[in-house]
Amino acid sequence: MTPSPELLVPVGSPDKLATALRYGADAVYLGGQSLSLRAKSDGFSFPELENAVKETHRHGAKVYFTLNLLAWEEHLSDVERYLEEIDACNVDGVIIADPGIVAMARKRIPHIPIHLSTQANTSNSASAMFWRDQGVRRVNVARELGAGRIRAMAQKVRDLELEVFVHGAMCMAISGRCLLSAHLNQRSGNLGLCTHPCRFDYKITAVRLEERLRPGQDMWEVCEDEQYTQIMGAQDLCLIKYLRWFRQAGISSLKIEGRMKTPSYLAQVTDIYRTALNDLEQGAFRPALYLEELQQLGTRSLSTGFFTPERITLRPALPKNLKKNIVAKLIEPVRPGLWLMDVKCRFQVGAPLEIVLPGLRRPLLASGDYGVEKEEGFHLSTAHSGLRLLLHCDHPELEPGIFLRAHLPDAHNGQEG
């Protein structure tokens, strides 16, 4: 049987690394505190990176370091310094987009595998083989490719690992090469400073285009409206239904987008894809359940993007009142049956809660199963966001780093199968 692809998840900070490992990542990708495409994430200092690699390897997982900016001349000296530091940290791969940096890495850290970033826009087998000849071990294929083109590429470059984005935000530009943020806010997305202007709210004040050789014929017209709209905002990508296809096609790695996402988002999306891959191995694949869980996480509709011949909207965005919000994260035990927790979202004490456990297990805590109090000992009826409080609960599966979320009585409880 063809082995399951690696599950590769984003990690923007040491806190998120612990979450990714707890919920089942095979590998993580992370960046330093500059020179990656998520310059506004916390990133890892090099002492933190060294510790992260050790901890990740202890869990049997891998670490890929992102150095995927499209560099300007003044960045090159810092890139050289980063390559020296990366060499000392024992990472399992370095993700690069710029051909000059590929050459620098091949010369300075030849023993560390080079993974080509989506920013390089590799859209055919000839390009993939070119990069292979430059020393690249793995290529992240362009997000603009459909299933047929990905399969054709995979059949022609069997000696090269292929990696595909399967979940997360999509960019309106070709493989993320966008100048809109630089134009509006002087912050280049190609240097990790994207302000996501494609997600901004815009008000149309009338646009009508007529092409020079077609006088009198409106090529594109947008009518004025009083409301603001996210006219350029793409749907989120979701390819969880096609995991069997990726395994059969021999894809090496399935990548989730989102180094800027919260730890609670990371926990749930990692758990869902990990469980789906495990279920696939065991012949118990449950796509409806996975989609129901993923629908809880986003603010935009889930779709197949360019993967299918016609874009399929898998699930619409849920209204806020139908979402199971993450309400708390367990920090550490104080004593048996008493936990220190960080409250992430306001909730009424006594309302039913779900424990977010790996394997899509969501045991229910009913009103009599727990209590909440301040560290000073005062019992509370309402837990407010931002507070660090004590949870009285003796459920045997509670552990540090586990999340609690609200329970909606009419929603699926995640216990299927």
Foldseek 3Di string as FASTA:
>chain_A
DQAFAFEEEEALDPLLLVLLLQQDHQEYEFEACFQFLAVVGNTAHLVRLLVSQVVQVVSNHFYEYENAFQDDPVCVVVLLVVLVSVLVRPHQEYEYAHPVSLLVNCVRPVVHAYEYALNNAAQALVVVVVVVVSRHQEYEHWQLDAQVRLLRNCVNCVRHAYEYEAWWFDALDGSQQDCPQCVPPVAGSSRNRRPPPLQDWDFDPKDWDDDPVGPPDTPDIDDGDPGTDSVRGDAIGHDLVCSVVCSVSNHRYYYYDDNPDDSVLSNQLSLLSSLQSVCVVVVNHDVVLSVLSNLLRDQAFYWNNNHDVDIDGPGGRDDPVPHWAFFWFWAAAPDAQKTKIATAAKDFQQAKKWWCHRNLHTDIQGNVAKFKDAPVGHTDRMDHHGDTIMMGHNDPPDDGGIIMIGDDVVDDRSPDD
